[in-house]
N, C-alpha and C. Protein backbone atom coordinates (compact mmCIF):
# COMPACT_ATOMS: atom_id res chain seq x y z
N MET A 1 18.68 -6.81 19.20
CA MET A 1 17.50 -7.40 18.59
C MET A 1 16.51 -6.29 18.20
N MET A 2 15.91 -6.45 17.04
CA MET A 2 14.95 -5.46 16.55
C MET A 2 13.64 -5.53 17.33
N MET A 3 12.98 -4.39 17.40
CA MET A 3 11.66 -4.33 18.02
C MET A 3 10.67 -5.02 17.08
N PRO A 4 9.77 -5.86 17.62
CA PRO A 4 8.75 -6.47 16.76
C PRO A 4 7.94 -5.42 16.03
N LEU A 5 7.56 -5.73 14.81
CA LEU A 5 6.79 -4.79 13.99
C LEU A 5 5.56 -4.24 14.71
N LEU A 6 4.80 -5.12 15.34
CA LEU A 6 3.58 -4.66 16.02
C LEU A 6 3.90 -3.62 17.08
N ASP A 7 4.98 -3.84 17.82
CA ASP A 7 5.35 -2.89 18.87
C ASP A 7 5.83 -1.58 18.27
N ASP A 8 6.42 -1.63 17.11
CA ASP A 8 6.87 -0.42 16.44
C ASP A 8 5.69 0.34 15.83
N LEU A 9 4.76 -0.39 15.23
CA LEU A 9 3.64 0.23 14.51
C LEU A 9 2.51 0.70 15.42
N LEU A 10 2.20 -0.07 16.45
CA LEU A 10 1.07 0.26 17.31
C LEU A 10 1.37 -0.21 18.73
N PRO A 11 2.31 0.47 19.41
CA PRO A 11 2.70 0.03 20.75
C PRO A 11 1.59 0.22 21.78
N CYS A 12 0.74 1.22 21.60
CA CYS A 12 -0.39 1.47 22.50
C CYS A 12 -1.67 1.12 21.76
N PHE A 13 -2.46 0.26 22.35
CA PHE A 13 -3.67 -0.18 21.67
C PHE A 13 -4.78 -0.36 22.69
N THR A 14 -6.01 -0.40 22.18
CA THR A 14 -7.19 -0.48 23.02
C THR A 14 -7.77 -1.89 23.04
N PHE A 15 -7.74 -2.55 21.90
CA PHE A 15 -8.28 -3.89 21.75
C PHE A 15 -7.24 -4.77 21.07
N ARG A 16 -7.32 -6.07 21.37
CA ARG A 16 -6.31 -7.00 20.85
C ARG A 16 -6.91 -8.39 20.73
N GLU A 17 -6.46 -9.10 19.70
CA GLU A 17 -6.86 -10.50 19.50
C GLU A 17 -5.64 -11.26 18.99
N ARG A 18 -5.41 -12.46 19.54
CA ARG A 18 -4.24 -13.28 19.19
C ARG A 18 -4.66 -14.72 18.94
N HIS A 19 -4.02 -15.33 17.93
CA HIS A 19 -4.24 -16.75 17.63
C HIS A 19 -2.93 -17.32 17.11
N ALA A 20 -2.75 -18.64 17.24
CA ALA A 20 -1.50 -19.26 16.78
C ALA A 20 -1.78 -20.68 16.29
N VAL A 21 -0.86 -21.15 15.43
CA VAL A 21 -0.94 -22.52 14.92
C VAL A 21 0.48 -23.02 14.64
N ALA A 22 0.72 -24.29 14.94
CA ALA A 22 2.01 -24.91 14.62
C ALA A 22 1.97 -25.40 13.19
N ILE A 23 3.10 -25.19 12.48
CA ILE A 23 3.17 -25.53 11.06
C ILE A 23 4.51 -26.18 10.77
N HIS A 24 4.50 -27.26 9.99
CA HIS A 24 5.73 -27.91 9.53
C HIS A 24 6.19 -27.22 8.24
N ALA A 25 6.81 -26.06 8.38
CA ALA A 25 7.32 -25.32 7.22
C ALA A 25 8.25 -24.22 7.73
N THR A 26 9.02 -23.66 6.81
CA THR A 26 9.93 -22.58 7.18
C THR A 26 9.17 -21.25 7.26
N GLY A 27 9.77 -20.30 7.93
CA GLY A 27 9.17 -18.97 8.04
C GLY A 27 8.95 -18.33 6.68
N GLN A 28 9.90 -18.52 5.78
CA GLN A 28 9.77 -17.94 4.43
C GLN A 28 8.52 -18.47 3.73
N VAL A 29 8.35 -19.78 3.75
CA VAL A 29 7.19 -20.41 3.10
C VAL A 29 5.90 -19.94 3.77
N ILE A 30 5.90 -19.90 5.09
CA ILE A 30 4.69 -19.52 5.84
C ILE A 30 4.29 -18.08 5.51
N LEU A 31 5.23 -17.15 5.59
CA LEU A 31 4.88 -15.75 5.32
C LEU A 31 4.51 -15.52 3.86
N ASP A 32 5.09 -16.29 2.96
CA ASP A 32 4.67 -16.20 1.55
C ASP A 32 3.22 -16.66 1.40
N CYS A 33 2.84 -17.69 2.15
CA CYS A 33 1.44 -18.17 2.13
C CYS A 33 0.51 -17.13 2.74
N VAL A 34 0.95 -16.46 3.80
CA VAL A 34 0.15 -15.37 4.38
C VAL A 34 -0.08 -14.29 3.33
N SER A 35 0.97 -13.92 2.60
CA SER A 35 0.87 -12.87 1.58
C SER A 35 -0.13 -13.23 0.49
N ARG A 36 -0.24 -14.50 0.17
CA ARG A 36 -1.13 -14.94 -0.91
C ARG A 36 -2.55 -15.26 -0.41
N TYR A 37 -2.74 -15.35 0.88
CA TYR A 37 -4.03 -15.76 1.43
C TYR A 37 -5.14 -14.77 1.06
N ARG A 38 -6.29 -15.30 0.67
CA ARG A 38 -7.46 -14.49 0.39
C ARG A 38 -8.66 -15.13 1.08
N ALA A 39 -9.37 -14.34 1.86
CA ALA A 39 -10.52 -14.83 2.62
C ALA A 39 -11.62 -15.36 1.71
N HIS A 40 -11.76 -14.77 0.53
CA HIS A 40 -12.85 -15.20 -0.36
C HIS A 40 -12.68 -16.65 -0.82
N ASP A 41 -11.51 -17.26 -0.58
CA ASP A 41 -11.32 -18.67 -0.93
C ASP A 41 -12.02 -19.61 0.05
N ASP A 42 -12.42 -19.11 1.20
CA ASP A 42 -13.09 -19.91 2.23
C ASP A 42 -14.58 -19.56 2.21
N PRO A 43 -15.44 -20.51 1.86
CA PRO A 43 -16.88 -20.20 1.74
C PRO A 43 -17.49 -19.63 3.02
N LEU A 44 -17.11 -20.16 4.17
CA LEU A 44 -17.68 -19.68 5.43
C LEU A 44 -17.25 -18.23 5.71
N ILE A 45 -16.00 -17.94 5.47
CA ILE A 45 -15.52 -16.58 5.68
C ILE A 45 -16.16 -15.63 4.68
N ARG A 46 -16.28 -16.07 3.45
CA ARG A 46 -16.91 -15.25 2.41
C ARG A 46 -18.35 -14.90 2.82
N ILE A 47 -19.09 -15.88 3.37
CA ILE A 47 -20.46 -15.64 3.81
C ILE A 47 -20.49 -14.66 4.98
N ALA A 48 -19.59 -14.84 5.95
CA ALA A 48 -19.56 -13.96 7.13
C ALA A 48 -19.28 -12.52 6.72
N ILE A 49 -18.32 -12.32 5.85
CA ILE A 49 -17.98 -10.96 5.42
C ILE A 49 -19.11 -10.38 4.57
N SER A 50 -19.70 -11.21 3.73
CA SER A 50 -20.81 -10.76 2.89
C SER A 50 -22.00 -10.31 3.75
N MET A 51 -22.28 -11.07 4.81
CA MET A 51 -23.38 -10.70 5.70
C MET A 51 -23.06 -9.38 6.41
N ARG A 52 -21.82 -9.20 6.80
CA ARG A 52 -21.41 -7.95 7.47
C ARG A 52 -21.58 -6.75 6.54
N GLU A 53 -21.30 -6.94 5.26
CA GLU A 53 -21.31 -5.85 4.29
C GLU A 53 -22.65 -5.64 3.59
N LYS A 54 -23.54 -6.60 3.70
CA LYS A 54 -24.80 -6.55 2.94
C LYS A 54 -25.64 -5.30 3.22
N PRO A 55 -25.84 -4.89 4.47
CA PRO A 55 -26.65 -3.67 4.69
C PRO A 55 -26.11 -2.45 3.95
N ALA A 56 -24.81 -2.24 3.97
CA ALA A 56 -24.22 -1.08 3.28
C ALA A 56 -24.47 -1.17 1.78
N ARG A 57 -24.37 -2.37 1.23
CA ARG A 57 -24.58 -2.54 -0.20
C ARG A 57 -26.06 -2.30 -0.57
N LEU A 58 -26.97 -2.84 0.25
CA LEU A 58 -28.40 -2.67 -0.02
C LEU A 58 -28.83 -1.21 0.06
N LEU A 59 -28.19 -0.46 0.96
CA LEU A 59 -28.52 0.96 1.11
C LEU A 59 -27.72 1.85 0.18
N GLY A 60 -26.87 1.25 -0.66
CA GLY A 60 -26.08 2.02 -1.60
C GLY A 60 -24.95 2.81 -0.96
N LEU A 61 -24.54 2.41 0.23
CA LEU A 61 -23.47 3.12 0.94
C LEU A 61 -22.07 2.61 0.60
N SER A 62 -22.02 1.47 -0.09
CA SER A 62 -20.72 0.91 -0.42
C SER A 62 -20.76 0.26 -1.79
N GLN A 63 -19.80 0.63 -2.61
CA GLN A 63 -19.63 0.02 -3.93
C GLN A 63 -18.30 -0.72 -3.99
N ARG A 64 -17.55 -0.71 -2.88
CA ARG A 64 -16.20 -1.27 -2.86
C ARG A 64 -16.24 -2.80 -2.91
N ARG A 65 -15.11 -3.35 -3.26
CA ARG A 65 -14.97 -4.80 -3.25
C ARG A 65 -15.12 -5.33 -1.83
N THR A 66 -15.46 -6.59 -1.69
CA THR A 66 -15.55 -7.22 -0.38
C THR A 66 -14.20 -7.12 0.31
N LEU A 67 -14.23 -6.78 1.59
CA LEU A 67 -13.00 -6.61 2.35
C LEU A 67 -12.22 -7.93 2.42
N ASP A 68 -10.94 -7.84 2.12
CA ASP A 68 -10.05 -9.00 2.18
C ASP A 68 -8.66 -8.49 2.52
N LEU A 69 -7.72 -9.38 2.73
CA LEU A 69 -6.38 -8.96 3.13
C LEU A 69 -5.71 -8.04 2.11
N ASP A 70 -6.08 -8.15 0.84
CA ASP A 70 -5.45 -7.28 -0.15
C ASP A 70 -5.92 -5.82 -0.02
N ALA A 71 -6.93 -5.56 0.80
CA ALA A 71 -7.35 -4.18 1.07
C ALA A 71 -6.48 -3.53 2.15
N PHE A 72 -5.76 -4.36 2.90
CA PHE A 72 -4.88 -3.85 3.95
C PHE A 72 -3.62 -3.26 3.33
N ILE A 73 -3.07 -2.25 3.97
CA ILE A 73 -1.84 -1.61 3.52
C ILE A 73 -0.66 -2.40 4.07
N PRO A 74 0.26 -2.86 3.23
CA PRO A 74 1.46 -3.52 3.76
C PRO A 74 2.26 -2.53 4.61
N LEU A 75 2.56 -2.91 5.83
CA LEU A 75 3.28 -2.03 6.74
C LEU A 75 4.71 -2.50 7.02
N GLY A 76 5.06 -3.65 6.50
CA GLY A 76 6.43 -4.10 6.66
C GLY A 76 6.56 -5.61 6.74
N ARG A 77 7.74 -6.07 6.38
CA ARG A 77 8.08 -7.48 6.50
C ARG A 77 9.54 -7.56 6.90
N VAL A 78 9.80 -8.41 7.87
CA VAL A 78 11.16 -8.64 8.34
C VAL A 78 11.51 -10.07 7.95
N GLY A 79 12.14 -10.23 6.78
CA GLY A 79 12.60 -11.53 6.30
C GLY A 79 11.58 -12.63 6.43
N ASP A 80 11.99 -13.71 7.09
CA ASP A 80 11.10 -14.86 7.28
C ASP A 80 10.57 -14.91 8.71
N GLN A 81 10.57 -13.74 9.39
CA GLN A 81 10.17 -13.69 10.79
C GLN A 81 8.79 -13.07 11.02
N GLU A 82 8.50 -11.96 10.36
CA GLU A 82 7.22 -11.32 10.63
C GLU A 82 6.82 -10.36 9.51
N MET A 83 5.53 -10.06 9.51
CA MET A 83 4.99 -9.08 8.58
C MET A 83 3.77 -8.44 9.23
N ALA A 84 3.41 -7.26 8.74
CA ALA A 84 2.25 -6.57 9.29
C ALA A 84 1.56 -5.79 8.19
N MET A 85 0.25 -5.60 8.40
CA MET A 85 -0.58 -4.84 7.48
C MET A 85 -1.60 -4.06 8.29
N GLY A 86 -2.14 -3.00 7.71
CA GLY A 86 -3.04 -2.19 8.51
C GLY A 86 -4.17 -1.55 7.74
N LEU A 87 -5.10 -1.02 8.53
CA LEU A 87 -6.25 -0.27 8.03
C LEU A 87 -6.48 0.90 8.97
N VAL A 88 -7.09 1.95 8.45
CA VAL A 88 -7.53 3.07 9.27
C VAL A 88 -8.97 3.33 8.90
N GLY A 89 -9.84 3.36 9.91
CA GLY A 89 -11.24 3.59 9.60
C GLY A 89 -12.13 3.66 10.82
N ALA A 90 -13.41 3.86 10.55
CA ALA A 90 -14.46 3.82 11.56
C ALA A 90 -15.17 2.48 11.33
N PHE A 91 -14.57 1.42 11.84
CA PHE A 91 -14.93 0.05 11.47
C PHE A 91 -16.36 -0.33 11.82
N TRP A 92 -16.98 0.35 12.77
CA TRP A 92 -18.34 0.08 13.18
C TRP A 92 -19.35 0.60 12.16
N ARG A 93 -18.92 1.50 11.29
CA ARG A 93 -19.83 2.01 10.26
C ARG A 93 -20.11 0.92 9.24
N MET A 94 -21.26 0.99 8.61
CA MET A 94 -21.63 -0.04 7.64
C MET A 94 -20.61 -0.19 6.53
N ASP A 95 -19.98 0.91 6.13
CA ASP A 95 -19.00 0.87 5.04
C ASP A 95 -17.55 0.82 5.56
N TYR A 96 -17.38 0.56 6.85
CA TYR A 96 -16.08 0.49 7.54
C TYR A 96 -15.43 1.87 7.71
N GLY A 97 -15.90 2.88 7.01
CA GLY A 97 -15.32 4.21 7.12
C GLY A 97 -13.83 4.25 6.83
N LEU A 98 -13.38 3.44 5.88
CA LEU A 98 -11.95 3.32 5.60
C LEU A 98 -11.37 4.58 4.97
N LEU A 99 -10.19 4.94 5.43
CA LEU A 99 -9.44 6.04 4.84
C LEU A 99 -8.48 5.47 3.80
N ASP A 100 -8.17 6.27 2.81
CA ASP A 100 -7.17 5.87 1.82
C ASP A 100 -5.79 6.13 2.41
N ILE A 101 -5.17 5.08 2.84
CA ILE A 101 -3.82 5.15 3.39
C ILE A 101 -2.93 4.38 2.42
N ALA A 102 -1.91 5.04 1.90
CA ALA A 102 -1.12 4.45 0.82
C ALA A 102 0.18 3.80 1.28
N SER A 103 0.64 4.12 2.49
CA SER A 103 1.97 3.63 2.88
C SER A 103 2.09 3.53 4.39
N ARG A 104 3.19 2.93 4.82
CA ARG A 104 3.50 2.85 6.24
C ARG A 104 3.65 4.25 6.83
N ALA A 105 4.27 5.15 6.08
CA ALA A 105 4.45 6.53 6.54
C ALA A 105 3.09 7.21 6.74
N ASP A 106 2.15 7.01 5.80
CA ASP A 106 0.81 7.58 5.94
C ASP A 106 0.11 7.00 7.17
N PHE A 107 0.25 5.70 7.37
CA PHE A 107 -0.36 5.04 8.52
C PHE A 107 0.18 5.64 9.81
N ALA A 108 1.49 5.76 9.91
CA ALA A 108 2.12 6.30 11.12
C ALA A 108 1.75 7.76 11.34
N ALA A 109 1.59 8.51 10.26
CA ALA A 109 1.31 9.95 10.37
C ALA A 109 -0.16 10.25 10.68
N CYS A 110 -1.03 9.29 10.51
CA CYS A 110 -2.46 9.53 10.72
C CYS A 110 -2.73 9.76 12.21
N ARG A 111 -3.15 10.95 12.52
CA ARG A 111 -3.44 11.33 13.91
C ARG A 111 -4.89 11.79 14.07
N ARG A 112 -5.73 11.41 13.12
CA ARG A 112 -7.14 11.80 13.20
C ARG A 112 -7.77 11.20 14.45
N ARG A 113 -8.65 11.94 15.07
CA ARG A 113 -9.26 11.52 16.33
C ARG A 113 -10.65 10.90 16.12
N ASP A 114 -11.08 10.77 14.85
CA ASP A 114 -12.40 10.23 14.56
C ASP A 114 -12.34 8.84 13.93
N VAL A 115 -11.17 8.25 13.86
CA VAL A 115 -10.99 6.91 13.27
C VAL A 115 -10.04 6.10 14.14
N CYS A 116 -10.08 4.80 13.95
CA CYS A 116 -9.19 3.87 14.66
C CYS A 116 -8.12 3.39 13.69
N ARG A 117 -6.98 3.04 14.24
CA ARG A 117 -5.93 2.40 13.45
C ARG A 117 -5.89 0.93 13.85
N LEU A 118 -5.77 0.06 12.87
CA LEU A 118 -5.75 -1.39 13.08
C LEU A 118 -4.50 -1.96 12.42
N VAL A 119 -3.79 -2.80 13.16
CA VAL A 119 -2.64 -3.52 12.61
C VAL A 119 -2.87 -5.01 12.81
N MET A 120 -2.69 -5.78 11.74
CA MET A 120 -2.71 -7.23 11.82
C MET A 120 -1.30 -7.71 11.54
N GLY A 121 -0.73 -8.38 12.52
CA GLY A 121 0.64 -8.86 12.37
C GLY A 121 0.69 -10.37 12.34
N PHE A 122 1.72 -10.88 11.68
CA PHE A 122 1.99 -12.31 11.61
C PHE A 122 3.46 -12.51 11.97
N ARG A 123 3.72 -13.35 12.95
CA ARG A 123 5.09 -13.61 13.40
C ARG A 123 5.33 -15.10 13.42
N VAL A 124 6.50 -15.51 12.93
CA VAL A 124 6.88 -16.92 12.93
C VAL A 124 7.92 -17.13 14.03
N GLU A 125 7.62 -18.07 14.91
CA GLU A 125 8.54 -18.42 15.99
C GLU A 125 8.94 -19.88 15.82
N HIS A 126 10.11 -20.23 16.36
CA HIS A 126 10.54 -21.62 16.33
C HIS A 126 9.78 -22.40 17.40
N ALA A 127 9.36 -23.61 17.05
CA ALA A 127 8.62 -24.47 17.98
C ALA A 127 9.31 -25.83 18.04
N ALA A 128 8.87 -26.64 18.96
CA ALA A 128 9.47 -27.97 19.15
C ALA A 128 9.27 -28.86 17.93
N GLY A 129 10.15 -29.82 17.78
CA GLY A 129 10.02 -30.81 16.71
C GLY A 129 10.23 -30.27 15.32
N GLY A 130 10.99 -29.19 15.19
CA GLY A 130 11.25 -28.63 13.87
C GLY A 130 10.08 -27.87 13.28
N GLN A 131 9.07 -27.65 14.07
CA GLN A 131 7.91 -26.89 13.59
C GLN A 131 8.14 -25.40 13.78
N SER A 132 7.29 -24.64 13.12
CA SER A 132 7.24 -23.20 13.32
C SER A 132 5.88 -22.88 13.92
N LEU A 133 5.84 -21.85 14.71
CA LEU A 133 4.58 -21.39 15.28
C LEU A 133 4.23 -20.07 14.59
N LEU A 134 3.10 -20.04 13.91
CA LEU A 134 2.62 -18.82 13.28
C LEU A 134 1.64 -18.16 14.25
N VAL A 135 1.99 -16.95 14.67
CA VAL A 135 1.16 -16.18 15.59
C VAL A 135 0.60 -14.99 14.84
N THR A 136 -0.71 -14.81 14.90
CA THR A 136 -1.32 -13.61 14.34
C THR A 136 -1.91 -12.81 15.48
N GLU A 137 -1.66 -11.54 15.44
CA GLU A 137 -2.18 -10.64 16.46
C GLU A 137 -2.76 -9.42 15.76
N THR A 138 -3.97 -9.06 16.15
CA THR A 138 -4.61 -7.85 15.65
C THR A 138 -4.71 -6.87 16.80
N ARG A 139 -4.29 -5.64 16.55
CA ARG A 139 -4.38 -4.56 17.53
C ARG A 139 -5.16 -3.41 16.94
N ILE A 140 -6.03 -2.83 17.77
CA ILE A 140 -6.81 -1.67 17.34
C ILE A 140 -6.58 -0.55 18.35
N SER A 141 -6.27 0.62 17.84
CA SER A 141 -6.07 1.78 18.68
C SER A 141 -7.21 2.77 18.47
N CYS A 142 -7.91 3.08 19.55
CA CYS A 142 -8.96 4.10 19.54
C CYS A 142 -8.38 5.32 20.25
N PRO A 143 -8.20 6.44 19.54
CA PRO A 143 -7.46 7.57 20.10
C PRO A 143 -8.16 8.38 21.19
N THR A 144 -9.46 8.20 21.36
CA THR A 144 -10.18 8.96 22.39
C THR A 144 -11.12 8.04 23.17
N PRO A 145 -11.46 8.41 24.40
CA PRO A 145 -12.45 7.61 25.14
C PRO A 145 -13.79 7.52 24.42
N ALA A 146 -14.20 8.60 23.77
CA ALA A 146 -15.47 8.58 23.04
C ALA A 146 -15.41 7.57 21.89
N LEU A 147 -14.30 7.52 21.19
CA LEU A 147 -14.15 6.56 20.10
C LEU A 147 -14.09 5.13 20.63
N ARG A 148 -13.44 4.95 21.76
CA ARG A 148 -13.39 3.63 22.40
C ARG A 148 -14.81 3.17 22.75
N ARG A 149 -15.63 4.05 23.28
CA ARG A 149 -17.02 3.70 23.60
C ARG A 149 -17.82 3.39 22.34
N ARG A 150 -17.50 4.06 21.26
CA ARG A 150 -18.20 3.83 20.00
C ARG A 150 -17.78 2.49 19.38
N PHE A 151 -16.50 2.17 19.47
CA PHE A 151 -15.98 0.95 18.86
C PHE A 151 -16.29 -0.30 19.68
N ALA A 152 -16.30 -0.20 21.01
CA ALA A 152 -16.43 -1.37 21.89
C ALA A 152 -17.63 -2.27 21.57
N PRO A 153 -18.86 -1.74 21.41
CA PRO A 153 -19.97 -2.66 21.11
C PRO A 153 -19.75 -3.44 19.81
N TYR A 154 -19.20 -2.76 18.81
CA TYR A 154 -18.90 -3.44 17.55
C TYR A 154 -17.88 -4.54 17.78
N TRP A 155 -16.82 -4.25 18.52
CA TRP A 155 -15.77 -5.22 18.80
C TRP A 155 -16.34 -6.46 19.47
N TYR A 156 -17.15 -6.26 20.50
CA TYR A 156 -17.68 -7.41 21.23
C TYR A 156 -18.69 -8.19 20.41
N LEU A 157 -19.33 -7.53 19.46
CA LEU A 157 -20.26 -8.22 18.57
C LEU A 157 -19.52 -9.06 17.53
N ILE A 158 -18.48 -8.50 16.92
CA ILE A 158 -17.79 -9.21 15.83
C ILE A 158 -16.66 -10.11 16.32
N ARG A 159 -16.22 -9.95 17.55
CA ARG A 159 -15.04 -10.71 18.01
C ARG A 159 -15.19 -12.22 17.87
N PRO A 160 -16.32 -12.84 18.23
CA PRO A 160 -16.41 -14.30 18.04
C PRO A 160 -16.25 -14.70 16.57
N VAL A 161 -16.85 -13.94 15.66
CA VAL A 161 -16.73 -14.25 14.23
C VAL A 161 -15.30 -13.96 13.77
N SER A 162 -14.73 -12.89 14.25
CA SER A 162 -13.35 -12.55 13.92
C SER A 162 -12.41 -13.67 14.35
N GLY A 163 -12.63 -14.21 15.56
CA GLY A 163 -11.81 -15.32 16.03
C GLY A 163 -11.95 -16.55 15.15
N LEU A 164 -13.18 -16.85 14.75
CA LEU A 164 -13.42 -17.98 13.84
C LEU A 164 -12.70 -17.75 12.51
N ILE A 165 -12.79 -16.54 11.99
CA ILE A 165 -12.13 -16.22 10.73
C ILE A 165 -10.62 -16.41 10.87
N ARG A 166 -10.04 -15.92 11.97
CA ARG A 166 -8.58 -16.04 12.17
C ARG A 166 -8.17 -17.51 12.27
N ARG A 167 -8.94 -18.31 13.00
CA ARG A 167 -8.58 -19.73 13.14
C ARG A 167 -8.69 -20.46 11.80
N ARG A 168 -9.71 -20.15 11.01
CA ARG A 168 -9.84 -20.77 9.69
C ARG A 168 -8.73 -20.30 8.76
N MET A 169 -8.38 -19.02 8.86
CA MET A 169 -7.30 -18.47 8.05
C MET A 169 -5.99 -19.19 8.39
N LEU A 170 -5.70 -19.34 9.68
CA LEU A 170 -4.46 -20.03 10.08
C LEU A 170 -4.46 -21.49 9.61
N ALA A 171 -5.59 -22.15 9.70
CA ALA A 171 -5.66 -23.54 9.24
C ALA A 171 -5.38 -23.64 7.74
N ARG A 172 -5.92 -22.71 6.97
CA ARG A 172 -5.69 -22.70 5.51
C ARG A 172 -4.23 -22.39 5.19
N ILE A 173 -3.66 -21.43 5.90
CA ILE A 173 -2.24 -21.10 5.69
C ILE A 173 -1.38 -22.31 6.04
N ARG A 174 -1.70 -22.99 7.13
CA ARG A 174 -0.95 -24.21 7.50
C ARG A 174 -1.04 -25.24 6.38
N GLN A 175 -2.25 -25.45 5.87
CA GLN A 175 -2.46 -26.43 4.81
C GLN A 175 -1.60 -26.07 3.57
N GLN A 176 -1.63 -24.82 3.19
CA GLN A 176 -0.87 -24.39 2.01
C GLN A 176 0.64 -24.47 2.25
N ALA A 177 1.09 -24.06 3.42
CA ALA A 177 2.53 -24.07 3.71
C ALA A 177 3.07 -25.49 3.80
N GLU A 178 2.31 -26.39 4.39
CA GLU A 178 2.79 -27.77 4.52
C GLU A 178 2.73 -28.51 3.19
N ALA A 179 1.91 -28.04 2.27
CA ALA A 179 1.83 -28.65 0.94
C ALA A 179 2.92 -28.11 0.01
N ALA A 180 3.52 -26.99 0.38
CA ALA A 180 4.52 -26.34 -0.50
C ALA A 180 5.81 -27.15 -0.54
């Protein structure tokens, strides 16, 4: 059996968040819906992200598009079972401090000690009654104790909103997959 993508990409991590939802659809349909999902389609998520990014925009520190899943680097997909995407940055900074990472190889090779690596994975498991269980897990690796101390306050501040975003995202993906 193959190692799960998350364990291959980021086996050691500092922070983690997991959520799941049961869906009446196949893994192929579900992961295709994940690939097409955009946070800006949800008004509440759009407002939350906009509020997070507003200070950087007002101070002229960011001209980039609003952060969404299409900003993440695809890190792999295993058929209809799982997929992962990632970011590298100083996420507590107003502009996220994102690095330009172009590929899975670049992500794996990044050994900078001043940024964190983040992987968001989606895995489809078989569930009772012919359903599938979509599990999303986000892992963040802080390479030094100093970086962990820098990231922790940000994590604990955004985690409740992040959890809400993940639950709304899963609900929307379920809605789209079951309608397909």
